[in-house]
Structures are given as structure tokens and as C-alpha cells.
């Protein structure tokens, strides 16, 4: 996500209660809201994917 992109989109997300509890505990450990934790994890996942795709392109 581009740092210049200040707009936020709302998403309805259904999670199992066990996943919710895990995310809530993790968010608390990292001093984030659950929403902030989910956004952080998704952002890290996208960065990791971009890096992997870039690395794959450089190998071929």
C-alpha cells in the first residue's frame, strides 16, 4: 500500500471465534487494535509477496 494513499476502505470480515481470540491476543502483545493488527499483517503479506515476485523475476 502506498504511503500516499490516506483513504481507507471498509471491509466486512467474518472470522472464527478462535482466530479472533488469537488475533486479539497478538494485537494486545503488539499494542495494536485488532483492526490495526489485521491491517499490519495484510500489509506485511503484500510486501512479502511483492518481494518474492521481484526475486522470481530477477532469477529468470
N, C-alpha and C. Protein backbone atom coordinates (compact mmCIF):
# COMPACT_ATOMS: atom_id res chain seq x y z
N UNK A 1 0.84 -1.18 0.00
CA UNK A 1 0.00 0.00 0.00
C UNK A 1 0.88 1.24 0.00
N UNK A 2 0.53 2.16 -0.83
CA UNK A 2 1.30 3.39 -0.96
C UNK A 2 1.07 4.28 0.26
N UNK A 3 2.15 4.81 0.80
CA UNK A 3 2.04 5.69 1.98
C UNK A 3 1.22 6.93 1.66
N UNK A 4 1.17 7.33 0.39
CA UNK A 4 0.40 8.49 -0.01
C UNK A 4 -1.11 8.22 0.02
N UNK A 5 -1.49 6.95 -0.01
CA UNK A 5 -2.90 6.57 -0.04
C UNK A 5 -3.47 6.66 1.37
N UNK A 6 -4.10 7.80 1.67
CA UNK A 6 -4.64 8.04 3.00
C UNK A 6 -6.08 7.53 3.14
N UNK A 7 -6.74 7.26 2.03
CA UNK A 7 -8.13 6.82 2.10
C UNK A 7 -8.18 5.38 2.60
N UNK A 8 -9.21 5.10 3.34
CA UNK A 8 -9.39 3.75 3.89
C UNK A 8 -10.67 3.17 3.34
N UNK A 9 -10.66 1.91 3.03
CA UNK A 9 -11.83 1.19 2.55
C UNK A 9 -12.34 0.31 3.68
N UNK A 10 -13.62 0.23 3.81
CA UNK A 10 -14.20 -0.64 4.82
C UNK A 10 -14.47 -2.00 4.22
N UNK A 11 -14.19 -3.04 5.00
CA UNK A 11 -14.38 -4.41 4.56
C UNK A 11 -15.08 -5.19 5.66
N UNK A 12 -16.11 -5.90 5.28
CA UNK A 12 -16.77 -6.79 6.23
C UNK A 12 -15.98 -8.09 6.24
N UNK A 13 -15.54 -8.49 7.41
CA UNK A 13 -14.69 -9.67 7.52
C UNK A 13 -15.26 -10.58 8.59
N UNK A 14 -15.51 -11.81 8.23
CA UNK A 14 -16.02 -12.78 9.20
C UNK A 14 -14.87 -13.71 9.59
N UNK A 15 -14.66 -13.83 10.89
CA UNK A 15 -13.58 -14.67 11.42
C UNK A 15 -14.17 -15.66 12.41
N UNK A 16 -13.53 -16.81 12.51
CA UNK A 16 -13.94 -17.76 13.54
C UNK A 16 -13.59 -17.15 14.90
N UNK A 17 -14.30 -17.58 15.92
CA UNK A 17 -14.02 -17.03 17.25
C UNK A 17 -12.61 -17.39 17.71
N UNK A 18 -12.12 -18.55 17.32
CA UNK A 18 -10.76 -18.94 17.73
C UNK A 18 -9.71 -18.05 17.05
N UNK A 19 -9.90 -17.73 15.77
CA UNK A 19 -8.97 -16.84 15.08
C UNK A 19 -9.05 -15.44 15.67
N UNK A 20 -10.26 -14.99 15.97
CA UNK A 20 -10.45 -13.67 16.59
C UNK A 20 -9.68 -13.58 17.90
N UNK A 21 -9.78 -14.62 18.72
CA UNK A 21 -9.08 -14.62 20.01
C UNK A 21 -7.57 -14.58 19.82
N UNK A 22 -7.07 -15.34 18.85
CA UNK A 22 -5.63 -15.34 18.58
C UNK A 22 -5.17 -13.96 18.11
N UNK A 23 -5.92 -13.35 17.20
CA UNK A 23 -5.57 -12.02 16.71
C UNK A 23 -5.65 -10.97 17.81
N UNK A 24 -6.66 -11.10 18.67
CA UNK A 24 -6.82 -10.14 19.77
C UNK A 24 -5.63 -10.23 20.72
N UNK A 25 -5.20 -11.44 21.04
CA UNK A 25 -4.06 -11.61 21.93
C UNK A 25 -2.78 -11.08 21.29
N UNK A 26 -2.61 -11.37 20.01
CA UNK A 26 -1.43 -10.91 19.28
C UNK A 26 -1.43 -9.38 19.20
N UNK A 27 -2.58 -8.80 18.91
CA UNK A 27 -2.69 -7.35 18.83
C UNK A 27 -2.34 -6.70 20.17
N UNK A 28 -2.83 -7.29 21.23
CA UNK A 28 -2.53 -6.76 22.57
C UNK A 28 -1.03 -6.83 22.85
N UNK A 29 -0.40 -7.94 22.46
CA UNK A 29 1.05 -8.08 22.65
C UNK A 29 1.82 -6.99 21.89
N UNK A 30 1.30 -6.62 20.72
CA UNK A 30 1.97 -5.62 19.87
C UNK A 30 1.43 -4.20 20.09
N UNK A 31 0.58 -4.03 21.11
CA UNK A 31 -0.01 -2.72 21.44
C UNK A 31 -0.75 -2.11 20.25
N UNK A 32 -1.53 -2.95 19.57
CA UNK A 32 -2.35 -2.50 18.44
C UNK A 32 -3.81 -2.89 18.70
N UNK A 33 -4.69 -2.21 17.98
CA UNK A 33 -6.08 -2.65 17.94
C UNK A 33 -6.15 -3.90 17.07
N UNK A 34 -7.23 -4.63 17.15
CA UNK A 34 -7.37 -5.80 16.28
C UNK A 34 -7.37 -5.36 14.82
N UNK A 35 -8.09 -4.27 14.53
CA UNK A 35 -8.12 -3.75 13.17
C UNK A 35 -6.71 -3.37 12.71
N UNK A 36 -5.98 -2.70 13.57
CA UNK A 36 -4.60 -2.31 13.25
C UNK A 36 -3.71 -3.53 13.02
N UNK A 37 -3.92 -4.57 13.81
CA UNK A 37 -3.13 -5.79 13.66
C UNK A 37 -3.42 -6.47 12.33
N UNK A 38 -4.70 -6.56 11.98
CA UNK A 38 -5.07 -7.17 10.70
C UNK A 38 -4.49 -6.38 9.55
N UNK A 39 -4.58 -5.05 9.61
CA UNK A 39 -4.02 -4.21 8.55
C UNK A 39 -2.50 -4.39 8.48
N UNK A 40 -1.83 -4.44 9.62
CA UNK A 40 -0.38 -4.66 9.66
C UNK A 40 -0.02 -6.00 9.01
N UNK A 41 -0.72 -7.05 9.37
CA UNK A 41 -0.42 -8.37 8.84
C UNK A 41 -0.67 -8.45 7.33
N UNK A 42 -1.74 -7.84 6.87
CA UNK A 42 -2.01 -7.83 5.44
C UNK A 42 -0.95 -7.02 4.68
N UNK A 43 -0.55 -5.89 5.24
CA UNK A 43 0.48 -5.07 4.61
C UNK A 43 1.79 -5.84 4.51
N UNK A 44 2.17 -6.51 5.59
CA UNK A 44 3.41 -7.31 5.58
C UNK A 44 3.32 -8.44 4.56
N UNK A 45 2.17 -9.05 4.44
CA UNK A 45 1.97 -10.13 3.48
C UNK A 45 2.11 -9.62 2.04
N UNK A 46 1.54 -8.46 1.76
CA UNK A 46 1.65 -7.89 0.42
C UNK A 46 3.10 -7.53 0.12
N UNK A 47 3.80 -6.95 1.08
CA UNK A 47 5.23 -6.61 0.88
C UNK A 47 6.04 -7.87 0.59
N UNK A 48 5.78 -8.92 1.35
CA UNK A 48 6.49 -10.18 1.17
C UNK A 48 6.22 -10.77 -0.21
N UNK A 49 4.98 -10.70 -0.64
CA UNK A 49 4.62 -11.21 -1.97
C UNK A 49 5.31 -10.41 -3.06
N UNK A 50 5.29 -9.08 -2.94
CA UNK A 50 5.96 -8.24 -3.94
C UNK A 50 7.44 -8.58 -4.03
N UNK A 51 8.07 -8.76 -2.87
CA UNK A 51 9.49 -9.10 -2.84
C UNK A 51 9.74 -10.44 -3.50
N UNK A 52 8.90 -11.42 -3.20
CA UNK A 52 9.05 -12.75 -3.79
C UNK A 52 8.87 -12.70 -5.31
N UNK A 53 7.89 -11.94 -5.77
CA UNK A 53 7.69 -11.81 -7.21
C UNK A 53 8.87 -11.11 -7.87
N UNK A 54 9.39 -10.08 -7.22
CA UNK A 54 10.54 -9.36 -7.75
C UNK A 54 11.76 -10.29 -7.82
N UNK A 55 11.97 -11.06 -6.75
CA UNK A 55 13.09 -12.01 -6.72
C UNK A 55 12.94 -13.07 -7.80
N UNK A 56 11.72 -13.55 -8.04
CA UNK A 56 11.48 -14.54 -9.10
C UNK A 56 11.78 -13.96 -10.47
N UNK A 57 11.40 -12.71 -10.69
CA UNK A 57 11.66 -12.05 -11.97
C UNK A 57 13.16 -11.88 -12.21
N UNK A 58 13.91 -11.62 -11.16
CA UNK A 58 15.36 -11.42 -11.31
C UNK A 58 16.10 -12.72 -11.57
N UNK A 59 15.51 -13.84 -11.13
CA UNK A 59 16.16 -15.14 -11.33
C UNK A 59 15.99 -15.66 -12.74
N UNK A 60 14.94 -15.20 -13.44
CA UNK A 60 14.69 -15.72 -14.79
C UNK A 60 15.28 -14.86 -15.86
